[in-house]
Protein backbone atom coordinates (compact mmCIF):
# COMPACT_ATOMS: atom_id res chain seq x y z
CA MET A 1 27.51 19.61 8.17
CA THR A 2 24.77 18.94 5.59
CA PHE A 3 25.77 22.07 3.72
CA LEU A 4 29.04 20.26 2.92
CA ALA A 5 28.61 18.26 -0.26
CA LYS A 6 30.46 14.99 -0.67
CA PRO A 7 33.19 14.97 -3.32
CA LYS A 8 31.82 13.96 -6.71
CA LEU A 9 35.06 12.26 -7.75
CA HIS A 10 34.54 8.52 -8.28
CA HIS A 11 37.45 6.13 -8.37
CA PRO A 12 37.52 4.40 -11.79
CA THR A 13 37.65 0.95 -10.20
CA LEU A 14 34.38 1.36 -8.26
CA PRO A 15 31.95 -1.41 -9.28
CA ALA A 16 28.87 -0.31 -11.22
CA ASN A 17 25.42 -1.86 -11.41
CA ARG A 18 23.51 -2.75 -14.57
CA LEU A 19 22.60 0.92 -15.15
CA GLY A 20 26.21 2.05 -14.85
CA TYR A 21 25.74 3.68 -11.42
CA THR A 22 28.22 3.16 -8.61
CA ARG A 23 27.17 2.94 -4.99
CA ARG A 24 28.31 6.54 -4.55
CA ASP A 25 25.57 7.66 -6.96
CA TYR A 26 22.97 6.59 -4.39
CA GLU A 27 24.47 8.53 -1.49
CA GLY A 28 23.30 11.91 -0.17
CA LYS A 29 24.79 14.65 1.95
CA ILE A 30 27.06 14.21 4.96
CA SER A 31 25.14 12.96 8.01
CA THR A 32 24.78 15.22 11.06
CA LEU A 33 23.61 12.40 13.34
CA CYS A 34 25.65 11.25 16.33
CA ALA A 35 28.61 9.02 15.51
CA GLY A 36 27.47 5.42 15.83
CA CYS A 37 23.76 6.18 15.37
CA GLY A 38 21.89 3.16 14.03
CA HIS A 39 19.99 5.42 11.61
CA ASP A 40 23.16 5.90 9.54
CA SER A 41 23.42 2.12 9.17
CA ILE A 42 19.84 2.05 7.86
CA SER A 43 20.71 4.77 5.34
CA ALA A 44 23.66 2.65 4.21
CA ALA A 45 21.35 -0.37 3.82
CA ILE A 46 18.90 1.67 1.70
CA ILE A 47 21.79 2.83 -0.49
CA GLN A 48 23.02 -0.74 -0.91
CA ALA A 49 19.53 -2.09 -1.65
CA CYS A 50 18.80 0.52 -4.33
CA TRP A 51 22.20 0.00 -5.94
CA GLU A 52 21.76 -3.77 -6.07
CA LEU A 53 18.21 -3.43 -7.44
CA ASP A 54 19.41 -1.14 -10.26
CA VAL A 55 16.91 1.50 -9.17
CA GLU A 56 16.94 4.72 -11.18
CA PRO A 57 17.38 7.42 -8.50
CA HIS A 58 15.06 9.90 -10.26
CA ARG A 59 12.20 7.38 -9.99
CA VAL A 60 12.27 7.36 -6.18
CA ALA A 61 10.16 9.68 -4.03
CA LYS A 62 11.36 9.71 -0.41
CA LEU A 63 9.15 11.30 2.25
CA SER A 64 9.57 11.75 5.98
CA GLY A 65 8.07 13.48 9.02
CA ILE A 66 9.93 15.04 11.96
CA GLY A 67 12.70 13.59 14.12
CA CYS A 68 16.21 12.19 13.86
CA SER A 69 14.94 9.43 11.57
CA SER A 70 13.13 11.92 9.35
CA LYS A 71 16.38 13.79 8.74
CA THR A 72 17.98 10.71 7.18
CA PRO A 73 16.47 10.98 3.64
CA ASP A 74 18.91 13.86 3.16
CA TYR A 75 21.74 11.35 3.60
CA PHE A 76 20.79 8.90 0.82
CA LEU A 77 19.52 9.07 -2.78
CA GLY A 78 20.59 12.66 -3.28
CA SER A 79 19.26 12.66 -6.86
CA SER A 80 15.76 11.51 -5.88
CA HIS A 81 12.58 13.46 -5.19
CA GLY A 82 12.25 14.39 -1.52
CA PHE A 83 9.62 15.90 0.77
CA ASN A 84 9.99 16.51 4.51
CA THR A 85 6.46 16.84 5.92
CA VAL A 86 5.26 17.95 9.35
CA HIS A 87 5.23 15.75 12.46
CA GLY A 88 3.32 12.52 11.88
CA ARG A 89 1.81 13.58 8.55
CA MET A 90 4.12 11.78 6.12
CA PRO A 91 1.61 8.99 5.25
CA SER A 92 -1.14 11.34 3.99
CA VAL A 93 1.27 13.40 1.89
CA LEU A 94 2.73 10.20 0.43
CA THR A 95 -0.76 8.87 -0.30
CA GLY A 96 -1.60 12.00 -2.28
CA ALA A 97 1.65 11.84 -4.21
CA ASN A 98 1.10 8.16 -4.98
CA LEU A 99 -2.41 8.80 -6.29
CA ALA A 100 -1.12 11.59 -8.52
CA ASN A 101 1.82 9.65 -9.95
CA ARG A 102 1.81 5.88 -9.58
CA ASP A 103 4.99 5.52 -11.67
CA LEU A 104 7.34 6.57 -8.86
CA ILE A 105 8.81 4.29 -6.20
CA TYR A 106 7.63 5.57 -2.83
CA LEU A 107 9.81 5.30 0.27
CA GLY A 108 8.53 6.64 3.58
CA VAL A 109 11.01 7.00 6.45
CA SER A 110 9.74 7.72 9.94
CA GLY A 111 10.55 7.18 13.61
CA ASP A 112 8.83 5.65 16.60
CA GLY A 113 7.87 9.10 17.91
CA ASP A 114 6.69 10.25 14.49
CA SER A 115 4.65 7.11 13.70
CA ALA A 116 3.63 5.63 17.06
CA SER A 117 2.47 8.85 18.74
CA ILE A 118 1.28 11.90 16.81
CA GLY A 119 1.22 9.98 13.52
CA LEU A 120 -0.42 6.77 14.75
CA GLY A 121 -3.73 7.52 13.05
CA GLN A 122 -2.00 8.30 9.77
CA PHE A 123 0.06 5.10 10.03
CA ALA A 124 -3.12 3.07 10.54
CA HIS A 125 -4.83 4.40 7.43
CA VAL A 126 -1.88 4.14 5.05
CA MET A 127 -1.49 0.47 6.06
CA ARG A 128 -5.16 -0.46 5.74
CA ARG A 129 -5.52 1.31 2.39
CA GLY A 130 -2.64 -0.66 0.89
CA VAL A 131 -0.75 2.32 -0.51
CA ASN A 132 2.09 1.03 -2.70
CA MET A 133 5.05 2.13 -0.60
CA THR A 134 7.91 0.97 1.58
CA TYR A 135 7.41 2.31 5.10
CA ILE A 136 10.51 2.14 7.31
CA VAL A 137 10.32 3.02 11.01
CA GLU A 138 13.72 3.68 12.58
CA ASN A 139 12.81 2.58 16.08
CA ASN A 140 14.98 3.66 19.03
CA GLY A 141 12.37 4.03 21.78
CA VAL A 142 13.20 7.67 22.57
CA TYR A 143 12.69 11.23 21.37
CA GLY A 144 16.29 11.92 20.43
CA LEU A 145 15.83 15.50 19.22
CA THR A 146 14.24 16.54 22.54
CA LYS A 147 16.84 14.84 24.76
CA GLY A 148 15.70 11.29 25.40
CA GLN A 149 12.11 11.11 26.67
CA PHE A 150 10.45 7.70 26.31
CA SER A 151 8.56 7.20 23.05
CA ALA A 152 5.43 5.08 22.66
CA THR A 153 7.51 2.04 21.62
CA ALA A 154 9.68 2.02 24.76
CA ASP A 155 9.22 -1.27 26.64
CA GLN A 156 7.52 -1.23 30.01
CA GLY A 157 10.13 -1.53 32.75
CA SER A 158 13.00 -0.21 30.62
CA LYS A 159 15.16 2.55 32.09
CA SER A 160 16.10 5.90 30.65
CA LYS A 161 19.66 7.20 30.69
CA ARG A 162 18.79 9.12 33.87
CA GLY A 163 17.44 6.01 35.58
CA VAL A 164 13.72 6.72 35.16
CA VAL A 165 11.63 3.54 34.70
CA ASN A 166 8.99 3.48 31.96
CA THR A 167 5.62 2.45 33.40
CA ASP A 168 3.60 2.61 30.18
CA SER A 169 2.79 -0.36 27.93
CA PRO A 170 4.60 -0.23 24.58
CA ILE A 171 3.08 -0.01 21.11
CA ASP A 172 4.38 -2.79 18.87
CA MET A 173 4.46 -1.43 15.31
CA VAL A 174 4.84 -4.89 13.77
CA SER A 175 1.71 -6.21 15.46
CA LEU A 176 -0.18 -3.09 14.41
CA ALA A 177 0.91 -3.45 10.79
CA LEU A 178 -0.24 -7.08 10.78
CA GLN A 179 -3.61 -6.19 12.27
CA LEU A 180 -4.17 -3.23 9.95
CA GLY A 181 -3.68 -5.22 6.75
CA ALA A 182 -0.12 -4.54 5.60
CA SER A 183 0.73 -7.13 2.95
CA PHE A 184 4.48 -7.18 3.71
CA VAL A 185 5.75 -7.01 7.29
CA GLY A 186 9.33 -7.38 8.49
CA ARG A 187 11.55 -6.42 11.37
CA SER A 188 15.30 -6.05 11.51
CA PHE A 189 18.18 -4.50 13.42
CA SER A 190 20.24 -1.61 12.12
CA GLY A 191 23.43 -3.52 12.92
CA ASP A 192 22.43 -6.56 10.81
CA LYS A 193 23.04 -5.40 7.25
CA GLU A 194 23.00 -8.96 5.89
CA GLN A 195 19.36 -9.28 6.92
CA LEU A 196 18.23 -5.68 6.42
CA VAL A 197 19.39 -5.15 2.82
CA PRO A 198 17.39 -8.09 1.36
CA LEU A 199 14.34 -7.05 3.38
CA ILE A 200 14.47 -3.53 1.93
CA LYS A 201 14.96 -4.90 -1.59
CA ALA A 202 11.94 -7.17 -1.23
CA ALA A 203 9.83 -4.36 0.25
CA LEU A 204 10.70 -1.98 -2.60
CA ALA A 205 9.60 -4.61 -5.14
CA HIS A 206 6.38 -5.47 -3.27
CA PRO A 207 3.12 -4.18 -4.88
CA GLY A 208 1.33 -2.89 -1.81
CA ALA A 209 1.88 -1.59 1.71
CA ALA A 210 5.27 -2.90 2.88
CA PHE A 211 6.32 -2.16 6.45
CA ILE A 212 9.73 -2.69 8.09
CA ASP A 213 10.35 -1.94 11.76
CA VAL A 214 14.10 -1.46 12.28
CA LEU A 215 15.47 -1.39 15.83
CA SER A 216 18.01 1.41 15.74
CA PRO A 217 19.81 2.21 19.02
CA CYS A 218 20.21 5.86 20.02
CA VAL A 219 23.83 6.12 21.12
CA ALA A 220 23.20 9.42 22.94
CA PHE A 221 20.12 8.58 25.02
CA ASN A 222 19.19 4.88 24.77
CA ASN A 223 22.27 2.69 24.59
CA HIS A 224 22.84 1.94 28.28
CA ALA A 225 22.22 -0.88 30.73
CA GLY A 226 18.47 -1.10 31.38
CA SER A 227 17.49 -0.09 27.85
CA THR A 228 15.78 -2.73 25.69
CA LYS A 229 16.70 -0.83 22.52
CA SER A 230 20.48 -0.80 23.09
CA TYR A 231 23.01 -2.53 20.86
CA ASP A 232 23.91 -5.09 23.53
CA TYR A 233 20.30 -5.92 24.41
CA VAL A 234 19.17 -6.44 20.83
CA ARG A 235 22.18 -8.59 19.96
CA GLU A 236 21.59 -10.77 23.01
CA HIS A 237 17.84 -11.19 22.39
CA ASN A 238 17.67 -11.27 18.59
CA GLU A 239 16.09 -14.38 17.06
CA ALA A 240 15.98 -14.43 13.26
CA VAL A 241 13.01 -16.37 11.90
CA ASN A 242 14.52 -16.92 8.46
CA ARG A 243 17.57 -16.43 6.30
CA ILE A 244 16.47 -14.45 3.25
CA ASP A 245 17.64 -12.98 0.00
CA PHE A 246 15.83 -11.24 -2.83
CA MET A 247 15.99 -12.00 -6.55
CA PRO A 248 14.83 -9.40 -9.14
CA ARG A 249 12.70 -10.59 -12.05
CA ARG A 250 14.97 -12.00 -14.74
CA SER A 251 15.26 -15.39 -16.37
CA GLU A 252 14.26 -18.10 -13.91
CA ILE A 253 16.85 -19.82 -11.74
CA THR A 254 15.63 -22.99 -10.06
CA THR A 255 17.03 -25.16 -7.30
CA ASP A 256 15.84 -27.98 -5.08
CA TYR A 257 17.11 -28.63 -1.57
CA ALA A 258 15.74 -29.91 1.72
CA PRO A 259 14.30 -27.71 4.49
CA GLY A 260 16.95 -26.69 6.99
CA SER A 261 19.81 -27.27 4.55
CA VAL A 262 22.13 -24.87 2.70
CA THR A 263 22.72 -24.74 -1.05
CA GLU A 264 24.74 -22.55 -3.41
CA VAL A 265 23.08 -20.98 -6.46
CA VAL A 266 24.97 -19.12 -9.20
CA GLN A 267 23.28 -15.79 -9.99
CA HIS A 268 22.92 -13.88 -13.25
CA ASP A 269 25.94 -11.73 -12.46
CA GLY A 270 28.12 -14.74 -11.68
CA SER A 271 27.99 -14.33 -7.93
CA VAL A 272 27.13 -17.28 -5.73
CA LEU A 273 24.12 -17.12 -3.43
CA ARG A 274 24.06 -19.35 -0.37
CA LEU A 275 20.47 -20.18 0.52
CA ARG A 276 19.32 -21.56 3.85
CA LYS A 277 15.78 -22.92 3.74
CA ILE A 278 13.80 -21.99 6.85
CA ALA A 279 12.15 -24.59 9.02
CA GLU A 280 8.84 -25.95 7.76
CA ASP A 281 6.93 -24.91 10.89
CA TYR A 282 7.08 -21.18 10.07
CA ASP A 283 4.57 -19.92 7.51
CA ALA A 284 5.18 -16.34 6.35
CA SER A 285 1.80 -16.31 4.55
CA ASP A 286 -0.19 -16.79 7.78
CA ARG A 287 -1.09 -13.37 9.15
CA ILE A 288 -2.65 -14.70 12.38
CA GLY A 289 0.24 -17.11 12.87
CA ALA A 290 2.71 -14.26 12.43
CA MET A 291 0.89 -12.18 15.03
CA ASN A 292 0.91 -15.06 17.51
CA PHE A 293 4.57 -15.78 16.77
CA VAL A 294 5.60 -12.16 17.38
CA GLN A 295 3.56 -11.87 20.58
CA GLY A 296 4.69 -15.25 21.95
CA HIS A 297 8.38 -14.49 21.54
CA GLN A 298 7.88 -10.94 22.79
CA ALA A 299 6.42 -12.35 26.01
CA ARG A 300 9.65 -14.32 26.46
CA GLY A 301 11.76 -11.20 25.96
CA GLU A 302 12.86 -12.20 22.45
CA ILE A 303 13.00 -9.89 19.43
CA VAL A 304 11.92 -11.67 16.27
CA THR A 305 13.52 -10.45 13.04
CA GLY A 306 13.17 -11.39 9.40
CA LEU A 307 10.28 -11.58 6.95
CA LEU A 308 7.31 -12.10 9.25
CA TYR A 309 4.44 -11.89 6.77
CA LEU A 310 3.96 -11.66 3.02
CA ASP A 311 0.75 -11.69 1.00
CA PRO A 312 1.73 -12.94 -2.49
CA GLU A 313 -1.62 -11.80 -3.92
CA ALA A 314 -1.41 -8.23 -2.61
CA ASP A 315 -2.68 -5.25 -4.56
CA ASP A 316 -2.55 -1.53 -3.84
CA LEU A 317 -4.73 1.55 -3.44
CA HIS A 318 -4.96 2.13 -7.19
CA ALA A 319 -6.43 -1.36 -7.64
CA HIS A 320 -8.94 -0.69 -4.82
CA LEU A 321 -10.03 2.59 -6.43
CA ASN A 322 -9.92 1.20 -10.00
CA THR A 323 -7.89 4.14 -11.29
CA VAL A 324 -6.53 4.29 -14.82
CA ASP A 325 -3.07 2.96 -15.63
CA GLN A 326 -1.81 6.38 -16.70
CA PRO A 327 -0.61 8.55 -13.78
CA LEU A 328 -3.32 11.06 -12.87
CA ASN A 329 -0.93 13.99 -13.10
CA ARG A 330 -0.48 13.25 -16.81
CA LEU A 331 -4.17 13.23 -17.81
CA ASP A 332 -5.05 16.02 -20.25
CA GLU A 333 -8.09 18.30 -20.27
CA ALA A 334 -10.06 16.01 -22.58
CA ALA A 335 -9.71 13.09 -20.16
CA LEU A 336 -10.46 15.19 -17.09
CA CYS A 337 -13.45 17.05 -18.63
CA PRO A 338 -15.41 14.48 -20.68
CA GLY A 339 -18.28 16.89 -21.44
CA ALA A 340 -21.91 17.57 -20.54
CA ALA A 341 -23.24 14.32 -22.02
CA MET A 342 -20.98 12.19 -19.86
CA LEU A 343 -21.89 14.25 -16.80
CA GLU A 344 -25.59 13.74 -17.52
CA ARG A 345 -25.11 9.96 -17.80
CA LEU A 346 -23.20 9.96 -14.51
CA ASN A 347 -25.92 11.95 -12.74
CA ALA A 348 -28.60 9.68 -14.18
CA SER A 349 -26.84 6.61 -12.78
CA LEU A 350 -26.99 8.12 -9.29
CA ARG A 351 -30.70 8.95 -9.32
């Protein structure tokens, strides 16, 4: 089906963003995933987030590995740069691209098999290095392309479609991201667009390693009774830690309202934003507290969603390496080959 291009005709009444793009301009090819797959909902959320953020499609570099989730970049942002890597190797390819051209917006899309098994080591290093990227794991707990084997994120005691019980302990990607130093960590559900879209918008604007684990039920192999990644199970056990929205940098809008209450704020485009202030006992800037919160609720069988951790002072790999502001792929020969005298001074400093 992906060889079938979507019609380019746009209805004249379609709303446009500040750049003049309609939502259709952020779409890709026709999806070949199973009807009802949660991954398609995530693609729709990415499209919505980029449209609302007024992102220029040609400034986005989308990278993926192998798996159902890694096919999805073909279904959104059709005018963006794209690279489909080998199994589990997306983070290192993205890191190299980011070092070469820091001016692009980097979006890595992976799956639980791609990131929590063969790519676990790569995931660890891209998080700890603080590469400026948005890393989305479309987590369904199975290997969908190879007919439904348990992945490393499948919960212990959960049942496969054939009735097999998983005896292995699961890998929690959110807890790993918190431990490894990610400066933005969130979790959401593919069926909760109201929560997922603002999370993606905030992650795209975050200057550092931003990670979002999205529970995304596999309708073919993991959406049955006994699965902890099914639509019914997640809806019954979902506990949102906060109600969030994201505001791009424009002229300041201020408001003042009590914790736990709701207020309406008129936005720059005339729309009205309803804000609900989260309870005072949750601190999204406390990494250790976030880890304890996730683990505590997980022990009670609850899935915590929302913005779990944010470091407001985060920086990225370029800041750690003290690279120049100009993208490295644009440096000319004079900048790259400073001459024998400079080389001699450098060698002298190392003696």
